[in-house]
C-alpha atoms as a PDB file:
ATOM      1  CA  UNK A   1      -6.074 -15.035   3.467  1.00  0.00           C
ATOM      2  CA  UNK A   2      -8.234 -14.980   0.377  1.00  0.00           C
ATOM      3  CA  UNK A   3     -10.459 -12.073  -0.609  1.00  0.00           C
ATOM      4  CA  UNK A   4     -12.817 -12.061  -3.626  1.00  0.00           C
ATOM      5  CA  UNK A   5     -12.462  -9.308  -6.167  1.00  0.00           C
ATOM      6  CA  UNK A   6     -13.825  -8.612  -9.629  1.00  0.00           C
ATOM      7  CA  UNK A   7     -11.857  -9.273 -12.778  1.00  0.00           C
ATOM      8  CA  UNK A   8     -11.262  -6.084 -14.744  1.00  0.00           C
ATOM      9  CA  UNK A   9     -11.134  -5.667 -18.481  1.00  0.00           C
ATOM     10  CA  UNK A  10      -8.389  -3.780 -20.236  1.00  0.00           C
ATOM     11  CA  UNK A  11      -8.328  -0.034 -19.833  1.00  0.00           C
ATOM     12  CA  UNK A  12     -10.189   1.966 -22.466  1.00  0.00           C
ATOM     13  CA  UNK A  13      -8.094   3.779 -25.068  1.00  0.00           C
ATOM     14  CA  UNK A  14      -8.668   7.078 -23.226  1.00  0.00           C
ATOM     15  CA  UNK A  15      -6.884   5.668 -20.145  1.00  0.00           C
ATOM     16  CA  UNK A  16     -10.080   5.825 -18.075  1.00  0.00           C
ATOM     17  CA  UNK A  17     -11.077   3.326 -15.423  1.00  0.00           C
ATOM     18  CA  UNK A  18     -11.056  -0.349 -16.228  1.00  0.00           C
ATOM     19  CA  UNK A  19     -14.443  -1.844 -17.071  1.00  0.00           C
ATOM     20  CA  UNK A  20     -15.456  -4.537 -14.596  1.00  0.00           C
ATOM     21  CA  UNK A  21     -16.767  -7.882 -15.785  1.00  0.00           C
ATOM     22  CA  UNK A  22     -19.021 -10.019 -13.583  1.00  0.00           C
ATOM     23  CA  UNK A  23     -16.528 -12.888 -13.135  1.00  0.00           C
ATOM     24  CA  UNK A  24     -14.877 -13.339  -9.730  1.00  0.00           C
ATOM     25  CA  UNK A  25     -11.262 -14.013  -8.866  1.00  0.00           C
ATOM     26  CA  UNK A  26      -9.445 -14.231  -5.544  1.00  0.00           C
ATOM     27  CA  UNK A  27      -6.794 -12.026  -4.001  1.00  0.00           C
ATOM     28  CA  UNK A  28      -4.462 -14.151  -1.878  1.00  0.00           C
ATOM     29  CA  UNK A  29      -2.573 -12.269   0.819  1.00  0.00           C
ATOM     30  CA  UNK A  30       0.664 -13.939   1.905  1.00  0.00           C
ATOM     31  CA  UNK A  31       3.726 -13.125   3.987  1.00  0.00           C
ATOM     32  CA  UNK A  32       6.551 -13.457   1.468  1.00  0.00           C
ATOM     33  CA  UNK A  33      10.167 -14.211   2.325  1.00  0.00           C
ATOM     34  CA  UNK A  34      12.357 -11.076   2.088  1.00  0.00           C
ATOM     35  CA  UNK A  35      14.024 -12.340  -1.098  1.00  0.00           C
ATOM     36  CA  UNK A  36      10.743 -13.011  -2.953  1.00  0.00           C
ATOM     37  CA  UNK A  37      11.281 -11.897  -6.594  1.00  0.00           C
ATOM     38  CA  UNK A  38       7.682 -10.701  -7.024  1.00  0.00           C
ATOM     39  CA  UNK A  39       7.973  -8.535  -3.916  1.00  0.00           C
ATOM     40  CA  UNK A  40      11.318  -7.178  -5.119  1.00  0.00           C
ATOM     41  CA  UNK A  41       9.792  -6.221  -8.488  1.00  0.00           C
ATOM     42  CA  UNK A  42       6.893  -4.414  -6.799  1.00  0.00           C
ATOM     43  CA  UNK A  43       9.215  -2.525  -4.440  1.00  0.00           C
ATOM     44  CA  UNK A  44      11.360  -1.279  -7.326  1.00  0.00           C
ATOM     45  CA  UNK A  45       8.221  -0.199  -9.194  1.00  0.00           C
ATOM     46  CA  UNK A  46       6.921   1.585  -6.075  1.00  0.00           C
ATOM     47  CA  UNK A  47      10.105   3.607  -5.660  1.00  0.00           C
ATOM     48  CA  UNK A  48      10.249   4.365  -9.381  1.00  0.00           C
ATOM     49  CA  UNK A  49       6.681   5.709  -9.285  1.00  0.00           C
ATOM     50  CA  UNK A  50       7.393   7.834  -6.204  1.00  0.00           C
ATOM     51  CA  UNK A  51      10.503   9.287  -7.815  1.00  0.00           C
ATOM     52  CA  UNK A  52       8.546  10.124 -10.971  1.00  0.00           C
ATOM     53  CA  UNK A  53       5.917  11.959  -8.909  1.00  0.00           C
ATOM     54  CA  UNK A  54       8.425  13.671  -6.590  1.00  0.00           C
ATOM     55  CA  UNK A  55      11.661  14.194  -8.534  1.00  0.00           C
ATOM     56  CA  UNK A  56      12.691  17.009  -6.172  1.00  0.00           C
ATOM     57  CA  UNK A  57      12.441  14.675  -3.126  1.00  0.00           C
ATOM     58  CA  UNK A  58      13.749  11.274  -4.272  1.00  0.00           C
ATOM     59  CA  UNK A  59      13.044   8.063  -2.372  1.00  0.00           C
ATOM     60  CA  UNK A  60      15.753   5.441  -2.060  1.00  0.00           C
ATOM     61  CA  UNK A  61      15.454   1.667  -2.199  1.00  0.00           C
ATOM     62  CA  UNK A  62      16.619   1.172   1.397  1.00  0.00           C
ATOM     63  CA  UNK A  63      14.091  -0.665   3.529  1.00  0.00           C
ATOM     64  CA  UNK A  64      13.780  -0.733   7.282  1.00  0.00           C
ATOM     65  CA  UNK A  65      14.970  -4.204   8.370  1.00  0.00           C
ATOM     66  CA  UNK A  66      12.036  -4.352  10.801  1.00  0.00           C
ATOM     67  CA  UNK A  67       9.518  -4.137   7.922  1.00  0.00           C
ATOM     68  CA  UNK A  68       7.209  -7.132   7.631  1.00  0.00           C
ATOM     69  CA  UNK A  69       5.600  -7.362   4.210  1.00  0.00           C
ATOM     70  CA  UNK A  70       2.344  -8.698   2.901  1.00  0.00           C
ATOM     71  CA  UNK A  71       2.030  -9.568  -0.764  1.00  0.00           C
ATOM     72  CA  UNK A  72      -1.206  -9.703  -2.751  1.00  0.00           C
ATOM     73  CA  UNK A  73      -1.302 -12.458  -5.339  1.00  0.00           C
ATOM     74  CA  UNK A  74      -3.934 -12.132  -8.051  1.00  0.00           C
ATOM     75  CA  UNK A  75      -4.286 -14.873 -10.635  1.00  0.00           C
ATOM     76  CA  UNK A  76      -0.820 -16.171  -9.719  1.00  0.00           C
ATOM     77  CA  UNK A  77       0.781 -12.748 -10.214  1.00  0.00           C
ATOM     78  CA  UNK A  78       2.189 -10.403  -7.550  1.00  0.00           C
ATOM     79  CA  UNK A  79      -0.329  -7.560  -7.605  1.00  0.00           C
ATOM     80  CA  UNK A  80       0.580  -5.399  -4.641  1.00  0.00           C
ATOM     81  CA  UNK A  81       2.451  -5.100  -1.375  1.00  0.00           C
ATOM     82  CA  UNK A  82       2.483  -3.292   1.951  1.00  0.00           C
ATOM     83  CA  UNK A  83       4.695  -3.381   5.036  1.00  0.00           C
ATOM     84  CA  UNK A  84       4.232  -2.812   8.734  1.00  0.00           C
ATOM     85  CA  UNK A  85       7.145  -1.286  10.657  1.00  0.00           C
ATOM     86  CA  UNK A  86       7.017  -0.994  14.457  1.00  0.00           C
ATOM     87  CA  UNK A  87       7.733   2.572  15.592  1.00  0.00           C
ATOM     88  CA  UNK A  88       7.166   2.293  19.336  1.00  0.00           C
ATOM     89  CA  UNK A  89       5.060   0.042  21.578  1.00  0.00           C
ATOM     90  CA  UNK A  90       1.510   0.035  20.232  1.00  0.00           C
ATOM     91  CA  UNK A  91       2.325   2.101  17.115  1.00  0.00           C
ATOM     92  CA  UNK A  92       3.080   0.744  13.668  1.00  0.00           C
ATOM     93  CA  UNK A  93       3.840   2.551  10.427  1.00  0.00           C
ATOM     94  CA  UNK A  94       2.494   1.513   7.035  1.00  0.00           C
ATOM     95  CA  UNK A  95       5.263   1.571   4.432  1.00  0.00           C
ATOM     96  CA  UNK A  96       5.605   0.775   0.728  1.00  0.00           C
ATOM     97  CA  UNK A  97       1.879   0.442   0.024  1.00  0.00           C
ATOM     98  CA  UNK A  98       1.822  -0.230  -3.706  1.00  0.00           C
ATOM     99  CA  UNK A  99      -0.419  -1.891  -6.281  1.00  0.00           C
ATOM    100  CA  UNK A 100       0.897  -2.721  -9.731  1.00  0.00           C
ATOM    101  CA  UNK A 101      -0.800  -0.404 -12.263  1.00  0.00           C
ATOM    102  CA  UNK A 102      -2.113  -3.436 -14.170  1.00  0.00           C
ATOM    103  CA  UNK A 103      -4.109  -4.468 -11.087  1.00  0.00           C
ATOM    104  CA  UNK A 104      -5.412  -1.116  -9.846  1.00  0.00           C
ATOM    105  CA  UNK A 105      -9.129  -0.551  -9.479  1.00  0.00           C
ATOM    106  CA  UNK A 106      -9.744  -4.146  -8.379  1.00  0.00           C
ATOM    107  CA  UNK A 107      -9.732  -3.762  -4.590  1.00  0.00           C
ATOM    108  CA  UNK A 108      -6.207  -5.061  -4.058  1.00  0.00           C
ATOM    109  CA  UNK A 109      -5.138  -2.124  -1.858  1.00  0.00           C
ATOM    110  CA  UNK A 110      -8.229  -2.445   0.327  1.00  0.00           C
ATOM    111  CA  UNK A 111      -7.551  -6.163   0.828  1.00  0.00           C
ATOM    112  CA  UNK A 112      -3.893  -5.539   1.633  1.00  0.00           C
ATOM    113  CA  UNK A 113      -4.746  -2.893   4.223  1.00  0.00           C
ATOM    114  CA  UNK A 114      -7.433  -5.101   5.818  1.00  0.00           C
ATOM    115  CA  UNK A 115      -4.901  -7.921   6.172  1.00  0.00           C
ATOM    116  CA  UNK A 116      -2.271  -5.523   7.511  1.00  0.00           C
ATOM    117  CA  UNK A 117      -4.712  -4.216  10.129  1.00  0.00           C
ATOM    118  CA  UNK A 118      -5.449  -7.801  11.185  1.00  0.00           C
ATOM    119  CA  UNK A 119      -1.722  -8.505  11.554  1.00  0.00           C
ATOM    120  CA  UNK A 120      -1.196  -5.246  13.424  1.00  0.00           C
ATOM    121  CA  UNK A 121      -3.931  -6.062  15.941  1.00  0.00           C
ATOM    122  CA  UNK A 122      -2.410  -9.517  16.489  1.00  0.00           C
ATOM    123  CA  UNK A 123       0.925  -7.780  17.207  1.00  0.00           C
ATOM    124  CA  UNK A 124      -0.804  -5.487  19.752  1.00  0.00           C
ATOM    125  CA  UNK A 125      -0.495  -2.425  17.539  1.00  0.00           C
ATOM    126  CA  UNK A 126      -3.228   0.017  18.569  1.00  0.00           C
ATOM    127  CA  UNK A 127      -2.410   2.879  16.196  1.00  0.00           C
ATOM    128  CA  UNK A 128      -1.325   2.832  12.570  1.00  0.00           C
ATOM    129  CA  UNK A 129       0.402   5.842  11.025  1.00  0.00           C
ATOM    130  CA  UNK A 130       1.487   6.497   7.474  1.00  0.00           C
ATOM    131  CA  UNK A 131       2.923   9.124   5.200  1.00  0.00           C
ATOM    132  CA  UNK A 132       1.760   9.751   1.663  1.00  0.00           C
ATOM    133  CA  UNK A 133       2.144  12.775  -0.542  1.00  0.00           C
ATOM    134  CA  UNK A 134       0.275  15.699  -1.982  1.00  0.00           C
ATOM    135  CA  UNK A 135       0.620  14.241  -5.506  1.00  0.00           C
ATOM    136  CA  UNK A 136      -1.109  10.980  -4.599  1.00  0.00           C
ATOM    137  CA  UNK A 137      -4.809  11.876  -4.459  1.00  0.00           C
ATOM    138  CA  UNK A 138      -5.834   8.262  -5.060  1.00  0.00           C
ATOM    139  CA  UNK A 139      -3.899   7.163  -1.959  1.00  0.00           C
ATOM    140  CA  UNK A 140      -5.371   9.992   0.129  1.00  0.00           C
ATOM    141  CA  UNK A 141      -8.890   9.014  -0.974  1.00  0.00           C
ATOM    142  CA  UNK A 142      -8.271   5.352  -0.111  1.00  0.00           C
ATOM    143  CA  UNK A 143      -6.860   6.065   3.341  1.00  0.00           C
ATOM    144  CA  UNK A 144      -9.661   8.487   4.205  1.00  0.00           C
ATOM    145  CA  UNK A 145     -12.281   6.006   2.961  1.00  0.00           C
ATOM    146  CA  UNK A 146     -10.734   3.363   5.251  1.00  0.00           C
ATOM    147  CA  UNK A 147     -10.911   5.568   8.350  1.00  0.00           C
ATOM    148  CA  UNK A 148      -7.485   7.195   8.483  1.00  0.00           C
ATOM    149  CA  UNK A 149      -7.469  10.840   9.558  1.00  0.00           C
ATOM    150  CA  UNK A 150      -4.870  13.572   8.971  1.00  0.00           C
ATOM    151  CA  UNK A 151      -2.281  14.100  11.706  1.00  0.00           C
ATOM    152  CA  UNK A 152       0.696  16.384  12.132  1.00  0.00           C
ATOM    153  CA  UNK A 153       3.718  15.259  10.125  1.00  0.00           C
ATOM    154  CA  UNK A 154       6.009  13.071  12.205  1.00  0.00           C
ATOM    155  CA  UNK A 155       9.631  11.964  12.150  1.00  0.00           C
ATOM    156  CA  UNK A 156      11.539  12.688   8.967  1.00  0.00           C
ATOM    157  CA  UNK A 157       8.311  13.912   7.329  1.00  0.00           C
ATOM    158  CA  UNK A 158       7.946  16.911   9.674  1.00  0.00           C
ATOM    159  CA  UNK A 159       8.336  20.157   7.773  1.00  0.00           C
ATOM    160  CA  UNK A 160       8.123  18.521   4.328  1.00  0.00           C
ATOM    161  CA  UNK A 161       5.451  20.417   2.336  1.00  0.00           C
ATOM    162  CA  UNK A 162       5.013  17.386   0.048  1.00  0.00           C
ATOM    163  CA  UNK A 163       4.101  15.025   2.911  1.00  0.00           C
ATOM    164  CA  UNK A 164       0.669  14.211   4.248  1.00  0.00           C
ATOM    165  CA  UNK A 165       0.489  12.067   7.380  1.00  0.00           C
ATOM    166  CA  UNK A 166      -2.428   9.986   8.602  1.00  0.00           C
ATOM    167  CA  UNK A 167      -3.320   7.798  11.574  1.00  0.00           C
ATOM    168  CA  UNK A 168      -5.968   5.261  12.504  1.00  0.00           C
ATOM    169  CA  UNK A 169      -6.811   3.785  15.884  1.00  0.00           C
ATOM    170  CA  UNK A 170      -7.349   0.043  15.746  1.00  0.00           C
END
């Protein structure tokens, strides 16, 4: 799958949002093999960022063997990843949604989630669920913009005051 996106300029010195130039580039969404080095780099970076935001509730590098990943390639570089994990018939969980900081603000996450929803529908998933955290307002805003709504915390997230859970009917 290929999705157009806009090429961003470098971030301003104040760390504000990237300025967008009018040139187009393509986001390629692929299903990488489990040992893909670009995917591995993104997954380590994702866990490192989570552990920096939530030092009191560390995340480990263990992945569910049922996870099926999608990788966003932007200009020949791994830009982001996301996984779908089956929970029960008709329900899938979004895991390890991550976009490399160098590629944020360019629509990569939206493209990854659109491709994941397409894959989920093809696998007869009717409901997607996910967990994010209270210290990830950018993730919350993205999920809500894409039609996810808050639900009661589920599974290992139940009772965790740092967790926010969402669902979306497909």
